Protein backbone atom coordinates (compact mmCIF):
# COMPACT_ATOMS: atom_id res chain seq x y z
CA MET A 1 51.70 16.86 -12.51
CA PRO A 2 50.79 20.37 -13.81
CA ALA A 3 52.22 23.45 -12.14
CA SER A 4 48.96 24.19 -10.33
CA GLY A 5 49.10 20.91 -8.51
CA LEU A 6 45.95 19.51 -10.13
CA SER A 7 45.73 16.78 -12.69
CA GLY A 8 43.80 17.31 -15.95
CA THR A 9 40.71 15.46 -14.72
CA ASP A 10 40.56 17.35 -11.44
CA SER A 11 40.37 20.82 -13.06
CA PHE A 12 36.54 20.91 -13.25
CA PRO A 13 35.23 18.04 -11.15
CA VAL A 14 31.56 19.22 -11.09
CA ILE A 15 31.23 19.70 -14.84
CA PRO A 16 30.92 16.36 -16.65
CA PHE A 17 32.86 15.89 -19.85
CA ASP A 18 30.44 16.24 -22.77
CA TYR A 19 31.49 15.46 -26.29
CA SER A 20 29.85 15.34 -29.69
CA PHE A 21 30.95 14.78 -33.23
CA LEU A 22 30.97 17.78 -35.52
CA ASP A 23 29.22 15.97 -38.38
CA GLU A 24 26.36 15.04 -36.04
CA ARG A 25 25.98 18.67 -34.98
CA PHE A 26 25.84 19.82 -38.61
CA ASP A 27 23.37 17.03 -39.40
CA ASN A 28 21.13 18.12 -36.54
CA GLN A 29 21.27 21.74 -37.66
CA TYR A 30 20.38 20.91 -41.26
CA ARG A 31 17.66 18.50 -40.14
CA ALA A 32 16.14 21.33 -38.10
CA ASP A 33 16.34 23.57 -41.18
CA GLN A 34 14.61 20.89 -43.26
CA ARG A 35 11.80 20.60 -40.70
CA PHE A 36 11.49 24.37 -40.67
CA GLY A 37 11.27 24.32 -44.47
CA GLN A 38 8.50 21.71 -44.41
CA VAL A 39 6.47 23.63 -41.84
CA PHE A 40 7.09 26.89 -43.70
CA GLY A 41 6.01 25.23 -46.96
CA PHE A 42 2.79 23.97 -45.40
CA PHE A 43 1.89 27.39 -44.05
CA THR A 44 2.82 28.97 -47.37
CA LEU A 45 0.36 26.70 -49.16
CA LEU A 46 -2.26 27.51 -46.54
CA ALA A 47 -1.64 31.26 -47.00
CA ILE A 48 -1.92 30.90 -50.79
CA LEU A 49 -5.22 29.05 -50.38
CA VAL A 50 -6.61 31.74 -48.06
CA ALA A 51 -5.38 34.47 -50.42
CA CYS A 52 -7.07 32.75 -53.38
CA LEU A 53 -10.31 32.50 -51.43
CA GLY A 54 -10.07 36.19 -50.58
CA LEU A 55 -9.26 37.05 -54.18
CA PHE A 56 -12.20 34.96 -55.36
CA GLY A 57 -14.48 36.79 -52.91
CA LEU A 58 -13.14 40.15 -54.04
CA ALA A 59 -13.63 39.18 -57.70
CA SER A 60 -17.19 38.06 -56.93
CA PHE A 61 -17.89 41.34 -55.17
CA THR A 62 -16.37 43.37 -58.02
CA THR A 63 -18.36 41.56 -60.69
CA ALA A 64 -21.56 41.93 -58.65
CA GLN A 65 -20.91 45.67 -58.32
CA ARG A 66 -20.19 46.03 -62.03
CA THR A 67 -22.98 43.80 -63.37
CA LYS A 68 -24.71 46.61 -65.21
CA GLU A 69 -21.46 47.87 -66.71
CA ILE A 70 -20.66 44.37 -67.94
CA GLY A 71 -24.15 44.07 -69.40
CA ILE A 72 -23.85 47.39 -71.23
CA ARG A 73 -20.43 46.43 -72.57
CA LYS A 74 -21.86 43.11 -73.80
CA VAL A 75 -24.75 44.88 -75.56
CA LEU A 76 -22.27 47.24 -77.21
CA GLY A 77 -20.31 44.26 -78.53
CA ALA A 78 -17.54 43.63 -76.04
CA SER A 79 -15.99 40.19 -76.19
CA VAL A 80 -15.60 37.83 -73.24
CA GLY A 81 -11.83 38.34 -73.37
CA SER A 82 -12.08 42.12 -73.16
CA ILE A 83 -14.41 41.90 -70.16
CA VAL A 84 -12.09 39.45 -68.40
CA GLN A 85 -9.16 41.75 -69.17
CA LEU A 86 -11.07 44.75 -67.82
CA LEU A 87 -11.78 43.02 -64.52
CA TYR A 88 -8.32 41.46 -64.20
CA ARG A 89 -6.40 44.68 -64.84
CA GLU A 90 -7.36 46.09 -61.41
CA PHE A 91 -6.06 42.99 -59.64
CA ALA A 92 -2.87 42.95 -61.69
CA VAL A 93 -2.06 46.53 -60.69
CA LEU A 94 -2.61 45.68 -57.01
CA MET A 95 -0.32 42.66 -57.31
CA LEU A 96 2.34 44.75 -59.05
CA VAL A 97 2.27 47.26 -56.18
CA ALA A 98 2.53 44.39 -53.69
CA PHE A 99 5.48 42.97 -55.63
CA VAL A 100 7.30 46.30 -55.62
CA ILE A 101 6.83 46.61 -51.86
CA ALA A 102 7.58 42.96 -50.98
CA THR A 103 10.65 42.37 -53.15
CA PRO A 104 13.13 44.61 -51.29
CA LEU A 105 11.82 43.44 -47.92
CA SER A 106 12.11 39.77 -48.82
CA TRP A 107 15.54 40.28 -50.40
CA TYR A 108 16.77 41.90 -47.18
CA ALA A 109 15.27 39.17 -44.96
CA VAL A 110 16.64 36.29 -47.04
CA THR A 111 20.07 37.90 -47.30
CA ARG A 112 20.22 38.29 -43.52
CA TRP A 113 19.07 34.68 -43.04
CA LEU A 114 21.68 33.32 -45.45
CA GLN A 115 24.48 35.17 -43.65
CA GLY A 116 24.12 32.65 -40.83
CA TYR A 117 25.53 29.88 -43.02
CA ALA A 118 29.16 29.22 -43.82
CA PHE A 119 28.34 28.53 -47.45
CA HIS A 120 25.52 30.48 -49.00
CA THR A 121 24.39 31.49 -52.44
CA ASP A 122 23.75 34.88 -53.93
CA LEU A 123 20.19 35.86 -54.76
CA SER A 124 19.33 36.23 -58.44
CA TRP A 125 16.61 38.43 -59.90
CA TRP A 126 14.71 35.45 -61.28
CA LEU A 127 14.17 34.09 -57.74
CA PHE A 128 11.73 36.98 -57.30
CA VAL A 129 10.30 37.37 -60.81
CA ILE A 130 9.30 33.72 -61.38
CA PRO A 131 7.21 33.51 -58.16
CA PHE A 132 5.62 36.84 -59.09
CA LEU A 133 4.64 35.45 -62.49
CA LEU A 134 3.31 32.32 -60.78
CA VAL A 135 1.22 34.47 -58.44
CA LEU A 136 -0.10 36.42 -61.42
CA LEU A 137 -1.10 33.15 -63.07
CA ILE A 138 -2.85 31.88 -59.94
CA ALA A 139 -4.66 35.21 -59.58
CA TRP A 140 -5.63 35.17 -63.25
CA LEU A 141 -7.12 31.68 -62.85
CA THR A 142 -8.96 32.74 -59.70
CA VAL A 143 -10.35 35.98 -61.16
CA SER A 144 -11.05 34.61 -64.62
CA PHE A 145 -13.51 32.03 -63.31
CA GLN A 146 -15.76 34.73 -61.89
CA SER A 147 -15.11 37.12 -64.79
CA VAL A 148 -15.97 34.59 -67.49
CA LYS A 149 -19.11 33.68 -65.60
CA ALA A 150 -20.14 37.34 -65.52
CA ALA A 151 -19.14 37.91 -69.15
CA LEU A 152 -21.18 34.94 -70.39
CA MET A 153 -24.28 36.01 -68.47
CA ASN A 154 -27.22 37.26 -70.51
CA PRO A 155 -26.90 41.07 -70.68
CA VAL A 156 -30.67 41.52 -70.53
CA LYS A 157 -30.80 39.87 -67.09
CA SER A 158 -27.92 41.98 -65.80
CA LEU A 159 -29.48 45.21 -67.04
CA ARG A 160 -32.87 44.29 -65.64
CA SER A 161 -31.61 43.48 -62.14
CA GLU A 162 -31.78 46.20 -59.50
């Protein structure tokens, strides 16, 4: 009998003995992280879709505002590629500014999140640059549709419209 006069099972009679295996706890934690990743991925795709729709609307608005300029450039001999480049340059600068602002914030947030794990990886520069290039490509595809449509339009109609 222990020195206190109580046996080992009588130490905490109102608290039931609860046990679990460590591998099951880790499995549950990583399963929760996987579910979080799936939900986060779904909402990321939804956010990209909404952003593309907004970018498409902004490109439509920009080309409608610059219809006469595009028509004059076409009459003066501008190619379709130069007109697309002219319209896309504004969006590329905005995305570059967004990248410069978002990269340090996301690096800080991901670094803090990874500190909660026993084994974590270091962040490389390409983990930020490759998604940025992918976003540039998606934006180029979104903007180029509207830009090519405006660049192929008859310049006489665009100059005549009021």
